[in-house]
């Protein structure tokens, strides 16, 4: 399953939440997608700013919750270049969604031990996610994706979404310090990622950040779906939970319990 499809679902939720919460020039919104380092840094070190933090889970957690709701006996393994994800799956309000996390280097060791060369295997041509969902893996990808949906939902919105992305713990702390001091940062949608470059710069990646970023961009551009709003795979899945239109995503209790920390 392409986790980026669940990033598409969360993008839609984040866009609706932004429209509901950012009504004046002084309002701002901290997105929690998709980095546990950013989320926990804000929660534990900046209590005042945490009140502006989105309650959305990460695409990883959303994918596990949806899959286990649909397939009761499913065991879900998440693969990423991130070590913080191993801690995230054991947080009390998130526990049970994902059974195991393997980082890229661990997966490479498994392949080596079993004599598997992924390059020799047939490619999976499924197109499950949009360009926006696939760009979550790099810094700025969440902001890009949410902004496209906000613009589709309210093209004549007076208070436009102005994003600010920060990556690396040092930069994350700096922006939170500025917000805490009441400084004008010129943005009302703030995206933070603990690793420089975003997930592509994760500590257990197996290629350098520049190459990974290039590959993520190319993978995103290969999608036949331009925005989460255009993703029929999303609507097909949501219909299984009683949603007939995208606007219902903020009211449907069955879906919200899968997308919100609880």
Protein backbone atom coordinates (compact mmCIF):
# COMPACT_ATOMS: atom_id res chain seq x y z
CA UNK A 1 0.00 0.00 0.00
CA UNK A 2 1.32 3.44 -0.90
CA UNK A 3 1.32 5.47 2.33
CA UNK A 4 1.19 8.64 0.23
CA UNK A 5 -2.48 7.88 -0.46
CA UNK A 6 -3.16 8.38 3.24
CA UNK A 7 -1.11 11.57 3.04
CA UNK A 8 -3.69 12.64 0.44
CA UNK A 9 -6.52 11.94 2.88
CA UNK A 10 -4.77 13.87 5.64
CA UNK A 11 -4.06 16.75 3.26
CA UNK A 12 -7.79 17.15 2.72
CA UNK A 13 -8.43 17.11 6.47
CA UNK A 14 -5.66 19.65 7.09
CA UNK A 15 -7.05 21.93 4.38
CA UNK A 16 -10.53 21.91 5.91
CA UNK A 17 -9.04 22.48 9.38
CA UNK A 18 -7.01 25.44 8.11
CA UNK A 19 -10.14 26.99 6.60
CA UNK A 20 -11.99 26.56 9.89
CA UNK A 21 -9.27 27.87 12.19
CA UNK A 22 -7.46 30.60 10.26
CA UNK A 23 -10.00 33.41 9.98
CA UNK A 24 -7.91 36.52 10.65
CA UNK A 25 -4.43 37.82 9.86
CA UNK A 26 -3.29 36.94 13.40
CA UNK A 27 -4.34 33.28 13.26
CA UNK A 28 -1.86 30.53 12.42
CA UNK A 29 -1.81 26.74 12.21
CA UNK A 30 0.96 24.27 12.97
CA UNK A 31 0.61 21.11 10.91
CA UNK A 32 1.50 17.88 12.72
CA UNK A 33 2.00 15.94 9.48
CA UNK A 34 4.12 14.04 9.32
CA UNK A 35 7.12 14.29 11.66
CA UNK A 36 7.03 12.93 15.24
CA UNK A 37 10.13 14.96 16.15
CA UNK A 38 8.40 18.24 15.23
CA UNK A 39 5.22 17.20 17.02
CA UNK A 40 6.91 16.15 20.25
CA UNK A 41 9.27 19.14 20.25
CA UNK A 42 6.24 21.43 20.18
CA UNK A 43 4.22 19.40 22.68
CA UNK A 44 6.97 19.06 25.28
CA UNK A 45 8.82 22.33 24.89
CA UNK A 46 6.31 24.90 23.66
CA UNK A 47 3.00 24.39 25.46
CA UNK A 48 1.51 27.66 24.22
CA UNK A 49 2.30 26.80 20.61
CA UNK A 50 0.95 23.28 21.04
CA UNK A 51 -2.56 24.75 21.25
CA UNK A 52 -2.14 25.70 17.57
CA UNK A 53 -0.96 22.21 16.59
CA UNK A 54 -3.09 20.02 14.36
CA UNK A 55 -4.45 16.87 16.08
CA UNK A 56 -4.01 14.86 12.86
CA UNK A 57 -2.00 11.65 12.97
CA UNK A 58 0.83 11.00 10.53
CA UNK A 59 0.21 9.21 7.21
CA UNK A 60 1.93 6.17 8.74
CA UNK A 61 -0.56 5.93 11.60
CA UNK A 62 -3.51 6.70 9.33
CA UNK A 63 -2.50 3.92 6.95
CA UNK A 64 -2.30 1.37 9.76
CA UNK A 65 -5.63 2.40 11.27
CA UNK A 66 -7.47 2.28 7.96
CA UNK A 67 -5.97 -1.07 6.97
CA UNK A 68 -6.71 -2.68 10.32
CA UNK A 69 -10.27 -1.38 10.26
CA UNK A 70 -10.77 -2.85 6.79
CA UNK A 71 -8.80 -6.07 7.35
CA UNK A 72 -9.18 -7.20 10.94
CA UNK A 73 -6.32 -9.71 10.90
CA UNK A 74 -3.83 -7.46 9.11
CA UNK A 75 -0.27 -7.04 10.36
CA UNK A 76 1.17 -3.74 9.18
CA UNK A 77 4.88 -3.04 8.61
CA UNK A 78 6.01 0.52 7.84
CA UNK A 79 9.28 1.14 5.97
CA UNK A 80 11.07 4.50 6.21
CA UNK A 81 14.46 6.18 6.67
CA UNK A 82 13.30 7.39 10.11
CA UNK A 83 14.19 6.06 13.56
CA UNK A 84 11.65 8.29 15.36
CA UNK A 85 8.86 6.27 13.75
CA UNK A 86 9.87 3.33 15.96
CA UNK A 87 8.97 5.44 18.99
CA UNK A 88 5.87 6.95 17.40
CA UNK A 89 4.10 3.60 17.01
CA UNK A 90 4.37 3.04 20.78
CA UNK A 91 2.91 6.37 21.88
CA UNK A 92 -0.19 5.58 24.02
CA UNK A 93 -2.66 7.46 21.79
CA UNK A 94 -1.26 5.85 18.63
CA UNK A 95 -0.38 2.33 19.77
CA UNK A 96 -1.82 -0.55 17.76
CA UNK A 97 -1.90 1.09 14.33
CA UNK A 98 1.48 -0.25 13.16
CA UNK A 99 3.01 -3.55 14.24
CA UNK A 100 6.61 -3.04 13.09
CA UNK A 101 8.82 -0.31 11.65
CA UNK A 102 11.82 -1.17 9.48
CA UNK A 103 14.23 1.48 8.32
CA UNK A 104 15.79 1.37 4.86
CA UNK A 105 19.09 -0.05 6.09
CA UNK A 106 17.36 -2.82 8.03
CA UNK A 107 15.33 -3.72 4.96
CA UNK A 108 18.52 -3.80 2.88
CA UNK A 109 20.01 -6.26 5.38
CA UNK A 110 16.94 -8.48 5.04
CA UNK A 111 17.22 -8.39 1.25
CA UNK A 112 20.93 -9.19 1.40
CA UNK A 113 20.40 -12.09 3.78
CA UNK A 114 17.72 -13.59 1.53
CA UNK A 115 19.56 -12.89 -1.71
CA UNK A 116 16.84 -10.54 -2.99
CA UNK A 117 17.74 -7.84 -5.51
CA UNK A 118 14.77 -5.41 -5.76
CA UNK A 119 16.01 -4.13 -9.14
CA UNK A 120 15.35 -7.57 -10.62
CA UNK A 121 11.76 -7.72 -9.34
CA UNK A 122 8.76 -6.58 -11.44
CA UNK A 123 7.66 -3.01 -10.72
CA UNK A 124 4.32 -2.25 -9.09
CA UNK A 125 2.61 0.16 -11.45
CA UNK A 126 -0.29 1.04 -9.13
CA UNK A 127 -0.99 4.76 -9.10
CA UNK A 128 -2.52 5.23 -5.65
CA UNK A 129 -1.37 8.72 -4.63
CA UNK A 130 -1.22 12.23 -6.03
CA UNK A 131 1.80 14.38 -6.73
CA UNK A 132 1.11 16.24 -3.47
CA UNK A 133 0.89 13.10 -1.34
CA UNK A 134 4.15 11.76 -2.72
CA UNK A 135 5.97 15.01 -1.92
CA UNK A 136 5.36 14.61 1.83
CA UNK A 137 8.76 12.92 2.02
CA UNK A 138 10.60 16.20 1.47
CA UNK A 139 10.54 19.49 3.35
CA UNK A 140 7.84 21.74 1.92
CA UNK A 141 5.82 18.86 0.49
CA UNK A 142 3.06 19.06 3.11
CA UNK A 143 2.69 22.81 2.61
CA UNK A 144 2.53 22.43 -1.17
CA UNK A 145 -0.10 19.72 -0.96
CA UNK A 146 -2.33 21.46 1.60
CA UNK A 147 -2.13 24.77 -0.26
CA UNK A 148 -3.34 23.18 -3.50
CA UNK A 149 -6.42 21.81 -1.72
CA UNK A 150 -7.14 25.05 0.19
CA UNK A 151 -7.05 26.90 -3.13
CA UNK A 152 -9.46 24.37 -4.63
CA UNK A 153 -11.84 24.58 -1.66
CA UNK A 154 -11.89 28.37 -1.40
CA UNK A 155 -10.32 30.01 -4.46
CA UNK A 156 -11.62 33.43 -3.36
CA UNK A 157 -10.42 33.11 0.23
CA UNK A 158 -9.47 36.53 1.64
CA UNK A 159 -6.84 35.21 4.09
CA UNK A 160 -4.61 33.19 1.78
CA UNK A 161 -2.52 30.28 3.01
CA UNK A 162 1.03 31.52 3.45
CA UNK A 163 3.34 28.69 4.35
CA UNK A 164 6.64 28.54 6.20
CA UNK A 165 8.64 25.34 6.22
CA UNK A 166 11.51 24.59 8.57
CA UNK A 167 13.70 21.51 8.62
CA UNK A 168 16.27 20.36 11.15
CA UNK A 169 15.75 20.56 14.91
CA UNK A 170 17.66 23.83 15.21
CA UNK A 171 15.44 25.57 12.67
CA UNK A 172 12.31 24.05 14.23
CA UNK A 173 13.27 25.51 17.61
CA UNK A 174 14.03 28.89 16.07
CA UNK A 175 10.60 29.21 14.45
CA UNK A 176 8.84 28.10 17.64
CA UNK A 177 10.86 30.66 19.62
CA UNK A 178 9.83 33.38 17.16
CA UNK A 179 6.17 32.41 17.35
CA UNK A 180 6.32 32.25 21.15
CA UNK A 181 7.77 35.76 21.22
CA UNK A 182 4.89 37.02 19.10
CA UNK A 183 7.08 37.84 16.11
CA UNK A 184 5.54 38.14 12.66
CA UNK A 185 7.00 35.31 10.57
CA UNK A 186 5.01 36.16 7.45
CA UNK A 187 3.12 32.87 7.44
CA UNK A 188 -0.05 31.31 8.83
CA UNK A 189 0.71 27.66 8.02
CA UNK A 190 3.89 26.28 9.57
CA UNK A 191 5.41 22.93 8.62
CA UNK A 192 8.31 21.48 10.58
CA UNK A 193 10.50 18.43 10.03
CA UNK A 194 13.18 17.21 12.40
CA UNK A 195 15.61 16.14 9.68
CA UNK A 196 17.32 18.56 7.31
CA UNK A 197 15.59 18.19 3.96
CA UNK A 198 12.69 16.27 5.49
CA UNK A 199 12.32 12.48 5.46
CA UNK A 200 14.74 12.31 2.53
CA UNK A 201 17.43 13.34 5.01
CA UNK A 202 16.48 10.72 7.58
CA UNK A 203 19.24 9.05 9.65
CA UNK A 204 18.68 5.59 8.16
CA UNK A 205 18.42 6.47 4.51
CA UNK A 206 20.71 4.59 2.14
CA UNK A 207 21.36 7.38 -0.40
CA UNK A 208 22.37 11.01 -0.02
CA UNK A 209 19.73 13.71 0.53
CA UNK A 210 20.17 15.44 -2.83
CA UNK A 211 19.66 12.21 -4.76
CA UNK A 212 16.71 11.22 -2.58
CA UNK A 213 15.05 14.61 -3.09
CA UNK A 214 15.47 14.30 -6.85
CA UNK A 215 13.95 10.82 -6.82
CA UNK A 216 10.99 11.96 -4.69
CA UNK A 217 10.34 14.84 -7.09
CA UNK A 218 10.46 12.49 -10.07
CA UNK A 219 8.23 9.93 -8.36
CA UNK A 220 5.71 12.66 -7.58
CA UNK A 221 5.74 13.98 -11.13
CA UNK A 222 5.15 10.45 -12.42
CA UNK A 223 1.75 10.38 -10.72
CA UNK A 224 -1.25 10.72 -13.02
CA UNK A 225 -3.10 12.45 -10.17
CA UNK A 226 -2.16 16.09 -9.66
CA UNK A 227 -3.80 16.88 -6.29
CA UNK A 228 -5.42 14.94 -3.41
CA UNK A 229 -8.71 16.51 -4.48
CA UNK A 230 -8.48 14.63 -7.79
CA UNK A 231 -7.62 11.26 -6.24
CA UNK A 232 -10.46 8.82 -6.92
CA UNK A 233 -8.65 6.20 -4.84
CA UNK A 234 -9.25 8.41 -1.81
CA UNK A 235 -12.98 8.71 -2.51
CA UNK A 236 -13.25 4.98 -3.16
CA UNK A 237 -11.74 4.24 0.24
CA UNK A 238 -13.73 6.88 2.11
CA UNK A 239 -16.99 5.56 0.66
CA UNK A 240 -16.33 2.32 2.53
CA UNK A 241 -16.65 4.38 5.71
CA UNK A 242 -19.90 6.08 4.75
CA UNK A 243 -18.55 9.24 3.13
CA UNK A 244 -20.25 10.26 -0.11
CA UNK A 245 -18.59 13.66 -0.61
CA UNK A 246 -15.20 15.06 0.38
CA UNK A 247 -16.83 17.74 2.55
CA UNK A 248 -18.06 15.06 4.98
CA UNK A 249 -14.53 14.21 6.09
CA UNK A 250 -14.74 16.63 9.05
CA UNK A 251 -18.07 15.25 10.33
CA UNK A 252 -17.84 11.50 9.83
CA UNK A 253 -16.97 10.01 13.23
CA UNK A 254 -15.79 6.71 11.77
CA UNK A 255 -13.17 8.47 9.66
CA UNK A 256 -12.19 11.12 12.21
CA UNK A 257 -11.27 8.47 14.78
CA UNK A 258 -8.76 7.14 12.24
CA UNK A 259 -7.28 10.55 11.42
CA UNK A 260 -7.11 12.16 14.87
CA UNK A 261 -4.83 11.46 17.84
CA UNK A 262 -6.85 9.65 20.48
